[in-house]
């Protein structure tokens, strides 16, 4: 063998790294903890209000989108801080844009939640 790992071993390691990253994100980032709590609450609401399969799909996509973009935002912030620890206008702009992406996803996820649950509540 040439030192290259078998495909399956390589994939399993990749999944392990992904789980580690998701765990670190949930363990260390306050914003993702809040988003996770909201995700839990709307998931419970989904069961209480017996939402349709289509509503479940849309809700889960919205949750996944917000939390994924939050992970990317955190990675961008960590990388920017590592590359340029002191304040720099361009780094600040990059971090603001990444945070803006999370904000946009969160706004649309909130609208989706309102569209799903307001008719069921009222």
N, C-alpha and C. Protein backbone atom coordinates (compact mmCIF):
# COMPACT_ATOMS: atom_id res chain seq x y z
N UNK A 1 0.84 -1.19 0.00
CA UNK A 1 0.00 0.00 0.00
C UNK A 1 0.88 1.25 0.00
N UNK A 2 0.41 2.32 -0.60
CA UNK A 2 1.21 3.53 -0.76
C UNK A 2 1.04 4.51 0.39
N UNK A 3 0.43 4.11 1.48
CA UNK A 3 0.22 5.01 2.60
C UNK A 3 -1.13 5.71 2.56
N UNK A 4 -1.83 5.57 1.46
CA UNK A 4 -3.16 6.17 1.33
C UNK A 4 -4.17 5.29 2.05
N UNK A 5 -5.03 5.93 2.86
CA UNK A 5 -6.03 5.17 3.61
C UNK A 5 -7.13 4.69 2.69
N UNK A 6 -7.73 3.54 3.02
CA UNK A 6 -8.88 3.06 2.25
C UNK A 6 -10.03 4.08 2.29
N UNK A 7 -10.83 4.09 1.25
CA UNK A 7 -11.92 5.04 1.10
C UNK A 7 -12.84 5.07 2.32
N UNK A 8 -13.27 3.89 2.79
CA UNK A 8 -14.22 3.81 3.90
C UNK A 8 -13.62 4.40 5.18
N UNK A 9 -12.37 4.10 5.46
CA UNK A 9 -11.69 4.66 6.64
C UNK A 9 -11.63 6.17 6.53
N UNK A 10 -11.29 6.66 5.36
CA UNK A 10 -11.20 8.10 5.12
C UNK A 10 -12.56 8.77 5.34
N UNK A 11 -13.64 8.16 4.85
CA UNK A 11 -14.99 8.71 5.02
C UNK A 11 -15.38 8.71 6.50
N UNK A 12 -15.08 7.63 7.19
CA UNK A 12 -15.41 7.56 8.62
C UNK A 12 -14.69 8.63 9.41
N UNK A 13 -13.43 8.87 9.07
CA UNK A 13 -12.69 9.94 9.74
C UNK A 13 -13.32 11.29 9.45
N UNK A 14 -13.74 11.50 8.21
CA UNK A 14 -14.37 12.77 7.84
C UNK A 14 -15.65 13.00 8.63
N UNK A 15 -16.45 11.94 8.78
CA UNK A 15 -17.68 12.05 9.57
C UNK A 15 -17.34 12.36 11.04
N UNK A 16 -16.28 11.74 11.54
CA UNK A 16 -15.84 12.02 12.91
C UNK A 16 -15.44 13.47 13.09
N UNK A 17 -14.71 14.02 12.12
CA UNK A 17 -14.32 15.43 12.18
C UNK A 17 -15.55 16.33 12.14
N UNK A 18 -16.53 15.95 11.32
CA UNK A 18 -17.76 16.74 11.21
C UNK A 18 -18.52 16.74 12.54
N UNK A 19 -18.64 15.56 13.17
CA UNK A 19 -19.30 15.49 14.48
C UNK A 19 -18.55 16.33 15.50
N UNK A 20 -17.22 16.25 15.48
CA UNK A 20 -16.41 17.05 16.40
C UNK A 20 -16.67 18.53 16.19
N UNK A 21 -16.72 18.96 14.94
CA UNK A 21 -16.97 20.37 14.63
C UNK A 21 -18.34 20.82 15.09
N UNK A 22 -19.36 19.99 14.85
CA UNK A 22 -20.72 20.34 15.28
C UNK A 22 -20.80 20.41 16.80
N UNK A 23 -20.14 19.47 17.47
CA UNK A 23 -20.12 19.47 18.94
C UNK A 23 -19.42 20.72 19.48
N UNK A 24 -18.26 21.05 18.89
CA UNK A 24 -17.54 22.25 19.32
C UNK A 24 -18.37 23.51 19.10
N UNK A 25 -19.06 23.57 17.99
CA UNK A 25 -19.91 24.71 17.70
C UNK A 25 -21.00 24.86 18.76
N UNK A 26 -21.68 23.75 19.07
CA UNK A 26 -22.74 23.79 20.08
C UNK A 26 -22.20 24.06 21.48
N UNK A 27 -21.00 23.59 21.74
CA UNK A 27 -20.40 23.74 23.07
C UNK A 27 -19.87 25.16 23.31
N UNK A 28 -19.35 25.79 22.27
CA UNK A 28 -18.60 27.04 22.48
C UNK A 28 -19.30 28.31 22.02
N UNK A 29 -20.30 28.21 21.14
CA UNK A 29 -20.89 29.41 20.56
C UNK A 29 -22.27 29.71 21.13
N UNK A 30 -22.40 30.89 21.76
CA UNK A 30 -23.67 31.28 22.38
C UNK A 30 -24.79 31.40 21.35
N UNK A 31 -24.49 31.96 20.18
CA UNK A 31 -25.54 32.17 19.19
C UNK A 31 -26.12 30.85 18.69
N UNK A 32 -25.29 29.84 18.50
CA UNK A 32 -25.80 28.55 18.02
C UNK A 32 -26.59 27.86 19.12
N UNK A 33 -26.24 28.10 20.38
CA UNK A 33 -27.02 27.53 21.48
C UNK A 33 -28.44 28.09 21.47
N UNK A 34 -28.56 29.39 21.22
CA UNK A 34 -29.88 30.03 21.14
C UNK A 34 -30.65 29.47 19.94
N UNK A 35 -29.97 29.35 18.80
CA UNK A 35 -30.61 28.82 17.60
C UNK A 35 -31.03 27.37 17.81
N UNK A 36 -30.22 26.60 18.51
CA UNK A 36 -30.56 25.21 18.81
C UNK A 36 -31.80 25.15 19.70
N UNK A 37 -31.89 26.03 20.69
CA UNK A 37 -33.05 26.08 21.58
C UNK A 37 -34.31 26.44 20.78
N UNK A 38 -34.19 27.43 19.90
CA UNK A 38 -35.34 27.80 19.04
C UNK A 38 -35.73 26.62 18.16
N UNK A 39 -34.74 25.92 17.60
CA UNK A 39 -35.01 24.76 16.76
C UNK A 39 -35.77 23.70 17.55
N UNK A 40 -35.35 23.49 18.79
CA UNK A 40 -36.02 22.52 19.66
C UNK A 40 -37.47 22.93 19.92
N UNK A 41 -37.66 24.22 20.19
CA UNK A 41 -39.02 24.72 20.48
C UNK A 41 -39.94 24.60 19.27
N UNK A 42 -39.45 24.97 18.08
CA UNK A 42 -40.33 24.85 16.90
C UNK A 42 -40.55 23.39 16.52
N UNK A 43 -39.60 22.53 16.84
CA UNK A 43 -39.80 21.10 16.60
C UNK A 43 -40.90 20.57 17.51
N UNK A 44 -40.87 20.96 18.77
CA UNK A 44 -41.94 20.58 19.70
C UNK A 44 -43.26 21.15 19.22
N UNK A 45 -43.25 22.42 18.78
CA UNK A 45 -44.47 23.04 18.26
C UNK A 45 -45.00 22.27 17.05
N UNK A 46 -44.09 21.78 16.23
CA UNK A 46 -44.51 20.99 15.07
C UNK A 46 -45.32 19.77 15.47
N UNK A 47 -44.91 19.11 16.54
CA UNK A 47 -45.65 17.95 17.04
C UNK A 47 -46.98 18.39 17.68
N UNK A 48 -46.94 19.46 18.44
CA UNK A 48 -48.16 19.95 19.11
C UNK A 48 -49.21 20.35 18.08
N UNK A 49 -48.79 21.09 17.05
CA UNK A 49 -49.74 21.59 16.05
C UNK A 49 -49.92 20.65 14.86
N UNK A 50 -49.28 19.48 14.93
CA UNK A 50 -49.43 18.46 13.91
C UNK A 50 -49.25 19.03 12.49
N UNK A 51 -48.11 19.65 12.27
CA UNK A 51 -47.87 20.27 10.96
C UNK A 51 -47.73 19.20 9.88
N UNK A 52 -47.98 19.60 8.65
CA UNK A 52 -47.96 18.67 7.52
C UNK A 52 -46.52 18.26 7.16
N UNK A 53 -46.41 17.25 6.34
CA UNK A 53 -45.09 16.80 5.87
C UNK A 53 -44.35 17.92 5.15
N UNK A 54 -45.07 18.66 4.33
CA UNK A 54 -44.45 19.79 3.61
C UNK A 54 -43.97 20.85 4.59
N UNK A 55 -44.77 21.15 5.60
CA UNK A 55 -44.36 22.13 6.61
C UNK A 55 -43.14 21.63 7.39
N UNK A 56 -43.09 20.33 7.68
CA UNK A 56 -41.91 19.75 8.35
C UNK A 56 -40.67 19.93 7.49
N UNK A 57 -40.80 19.63 6.21
CA UNK A 57 -39.65 19.75 5.31
C UNK A 57 -39.15 21.19 5.27
N UNK A 58 -40.08 22.13 5.12
CA UNK A 58 -39.69 23.54 5.05
C UNK A 58 -39.08 23.99 6.37
N UNK A 59 -39.69 23.59 7.47
CA UNK A 59 -39.17 23.97 8.79
C UNK A 59 -37.77 23.41 9.00
N UNK A 60 -37.57 22.14 8.69
CA UNK A 60 -36.25 21.52 8.87
C UNK A 60 -35.20 22.15 7.96
N UNK A 61 -35.58 22.48 6.74
CA UNK A 61 -34.65 23.18 5.84
C UNK A 61 -34.26 24.53 6.41
N UNK A 62 -35.23 25.26 6.97
CA UNK A 62 -34.94 26.58 7.55
C UNK A 62 -34.01 26.44 8.75
N UNK A 63 -34.27 25.46 9.61
CA UNK A 63 -33.41 25.23 10.78
C UNK A 63 -32.00 24.87 10.32
N UNK A 64 -31.90 23.93 9.40
CA UNK A 64 -30.59 23.51 8.89
C UNK A 64 -29.84 24.65 8.24
N UNK A 65 -30.54 25.48 7.48
CA UNK A 65 -29.90 26.61 6.81
C UNK A 65 -29.31 27.59 7.82
N UNK A 66 -30.11 28.00 8.80
CA UNK A 66 -29.64 28.97 9.79
C UNK A 66 -28.45 28.42 10.57
N UNK A 67 -28.56 27.18 11.04
CA UNK A 67 -27.49 26.62 11.86
C UNK A 67 -26.23 26.37 11.03
N UNK A 68 -26.39 25.97 9.79
CA UNK A 68 -25.22 25.76 8.93
C UNK A 68 -24.51 27.06 8.63
N UNK A 69 -25.29 28.08 8.30
CA UNK A 69 -24.66 29.38 8.01
C UNK A 69 -24.00 29.94 9.27
N UNK A 70 -24.60 29.69 10.42
CA UNK A 70 -23.96 30.12 11.67
C UNK A 70 -22.62 29.42 11.85
N UNK A 71 -22.55 28.14 11.50
CA UNK A 71 -21.28 27.42 11.58
C UNK A 71 -20.24 28.02 10.64
N UNK A 72 -20.66 28.34 9.42
CA UNK A 72 -19.74 28.97 8.45
C UNK A 72 -19.30 30.34 8.96
N UNK A 73 -20.24 31.10 9.52
CA UNK A 73 -19.92 32.41 10.08
C UNK A 73 -18.87 32.28 11.19
N UNK A 74 -19.06 31.32 12.06
CA UNK A 74 -18.11 31.10 13.15
C UNK A 74 -16.74 30.72 12.61
N UNK A 75 -16.71 29.85 11.60
CA UNK A 75 -15.44 29.45 11.00
C UNK A 75 -14.73 30.66 10.37
N UNK A 76 -15.49 31.51 9.69
CA UNK A 76 -14.91 32.72 9.08
C UNK A 76 -14.35 33.63 10.16
N UNK A 77 -15.09 33.82 11.24
CA UNK A 77 -14.61 34.66 12.34
C UNK A 77 -13.34 34.11 12.96
N UNK A 78 -13.32 32.79 13.20
CA UNK A 78 -12.13 32.16 13.78
C UNK A 78 -10.92 32.31 12.87
N UNK A 79 -11.12 32.08 11.59
CA UNK A 79 -10.02 32.19 10.63
C UNK A 79 -9.53 33.64 10.55
N UNK A 80 -10.46 34.58 10.50
CA UNK A 80 -10.09 36.00 10.42
C UNK A 80 -9.31 36.42 11.67
N UNK A 81 -9.76 35.98 12.84
CA UNK A 81 -9.06 36.31 14.09
C UNK A 81 -7.67 35.68 14.14
N UNK A 82 -7.54 34.49 13.56
CA UNK A 82 -6.25 33.81 13.53
C UNK A 82 -5.28 34.52 12.59
N UNK A 83 -5.78 34.88 11.42
CA UNK A 83 -4.94 35.54 10.42
C UNK A 83 -4.55 36.95 10.83
N UNK A 84 -5.53 37.67 11.40
CA UNK A 84 -5.29 39.08 11.74
C UNK A 84 -5.91 39.38 13.10
N UNK A 85 -5.22 39.02 14.21
CA UNK A 85 -5.81 39.14 15.56
C UNK A 85 -6.18 40.58 15.96
N UNK A 86 -5.40 41.55 15.52
CA UNK A 86 -5.73 42.92 15.88
C UNK A 86 -6.79 43.47 14.94
N UNK A 87 -7.47 44.52 15.36
CA UNK A 87 -8.56 45.07 14.55
C UNK A 87 -8.04 45.53 13.19
N UNK A 88 -8.79 45.17 12.16
CA UNK A 88 -8.47 45.61 10.81
C UNK A 88 -9.79 45.85 10.08
N UNK A 89 -9.91 46.96 9.39
CA UNK A 89 -11.17 47.32 8.75
C UNK A 89 -11.66 46.25 7.76
N UNK A 90 -10.76 45.70 6.96
CA UNK A 90 -11.16 44.71 5.96
C UNK A 90 -11.63 43.42 6.65
N UNK A 91 -10.95 42.99 7.71
CA UNK A 91 -11.37 41.81 8.47
C UNK A 91 -12.74 42.07 9.10
N UNK A 92 -12.92 43.29 9.63
CA UNK A 92 -14.22 43.65 10.20
C UNK A 92 -15.33 43.58 9.17
N UNK A 93 -15.06 44.05 7.96
CA UNK A 93 -16.03 43.99 6.88
C UNK A 93 -16.39 42.54 6.55
N UNK A 94 -15.38 41.68 6.44
CA UNK A 94 -15.60 40.26 6.14
C UNK A 94 -16.48 39.62 7.23
N UNK A 95 -16.17 39.91 8.49
CA UNK A 95 -16.93 39.34 9.59
C UNK A 95 -18.37 39.87 9.60
N UNK A 96 -18.53 41.15 9.29
CA UNK A 96 -19.88 41.74 9.24
C UNK A 96 -20.71 41.10 8.13
N UNK A 97 -20.10 40.87 6.98
CA UNK A 97 -20.82 40.25 5.86
C UNK A 97 -21.25 38.83 6.24
N UNK A 98 -20.36 38.07 6.88
CA UNK A 98 -20.70 36.71 7.31
C UNK A 98 -21.84 36.73 8.33
N UNK A 99 -21.79 37.67 9.26
CA UNK A 99 -22.86 37.80 10.25
C UNK A 99 -24.17 38.21 9.56
N UNK A 100 -24.06 39.05 8.55
CA UNK A 100 -25.24 39.46 7.79
C UNK A 100 -25.91 38.29 7.11
N UNK A 101 -25.13 37.32 6.64
CA UNK A 101 -25.70 36.13 6.01
C UNK A 101 -26.53 35.34 7.01
N UNK A 102 -26.04 35.23 8.24
CA UNK A 102 -26.80 34.54 9.29
C UNK A 102 -28.09 35.31 9.57
N UNK A 103 -27.98 36.63 9.62
CA UNK A 103 -29.14 37.48 9.89
C UNK A 103 -30.22 37.29 8.82
N UNK A 104 -29.81 37.30 7.56
CA UNK A 104 -30.77 37.12 6.46
C UNK A 104 -31.46 35.76 6.58
N UNK A 105 -30.68 34.70 6.79
CA UNK A 105 -31.27 33.36 6.93
C UNK A 105 -32.22 33.32 8.12
N UNK A 106 -31.86 33.96 9.22
CA UNK A 106 -32.70 33.97 10.42
C UNK A 106 -34.01 34.71 10.19
N UNK A 107 -33.96 35.82 9.47
CA UNK A 107 -35.18 36.58 9.17
C UNK A 107 -36.14 35.72 8.35
N UNK A 108 -35.60 35.08 7.30
CA UNK A 108 -36.47 34.26 6.46
C UNK A 108 -36.96 33.02 7.20
N UNK A 109 -36.15 32.44 8.07
CA UNK A 109 -36.60 31.31 8.89
C UNK A 109 -37.72 31.75 9.83
N UNK A 110 -37.61 32.95 10.37
CA UNK A 110 -38.66 33.49 11.25
C UNK A 110 -39.96 33.69 10.47
N UNK A 111 -39.85 34.20 9.26
CA UNK A 111 -41.03 34.39 8.42
C UNK A 111 -41.68 33.03 8.13
N UNK A 112 -40.86 32.03 7.83
CA UNK A 112 -41.38 30.67 7.59
C UNK A 112 -42.12 30.18 8.83
N UNK A 113 -41.52 30.37 10.01
CA UNK A 113 -42.17 29.96 11.25
C UNK A 113 -43.51 30.66 11.44
N UNK A 114 -43.55 31.94 11.16
CA UNK A 114 -44.81 32.68 11.29
C UNK A 114 -45.86 32.17 10.29
N UNK A 115 -45.44 31.90 9.07
CA UNK A 115 -46.37 31.40 8.05
C UNK A 115 -46.92 30.02 8.42
N UNK A 116 -46.10 29.22 9.07
CA UNK A 116 -46.56 27.89 9.47
C UNK A 116 -47.46 27.95 10.70
N UNK A 117 -47.06 28.72 11.71
CA UNK A 117 -47.73 28.63 13.02
C UNK A 117 -48.82 29.66 13.28
N UNK A 118 -48.73 30.86 12.70
CA UNK A 118 -49.78 31.86 12.98
C UNK A 118 -51.17 31.36 12.60
N UNK A 119 -51.34 30.76 11.42
CA UNK A 119 -52.70 30.26 11.11
C UNK A 119 -53.18 29.16 12.07
N UNK A 120 -52.27 28.42 12.64
CA UNK A 120 -52.65 27.34 13.56
C UNK A 120 -52.96 27.89 14.96
N UNK A 121 -52.32 29.01 15.31
CA UNK A 121 -52.54 29.61 16.63
C UNK A 121 -53.81 30.44 16.63
N UNK A 122 -54.06 31.15 15.53
CA UNK A 122 -55.24 32.06 15.47
C UNK A 122 -56.34 31.51 14.61
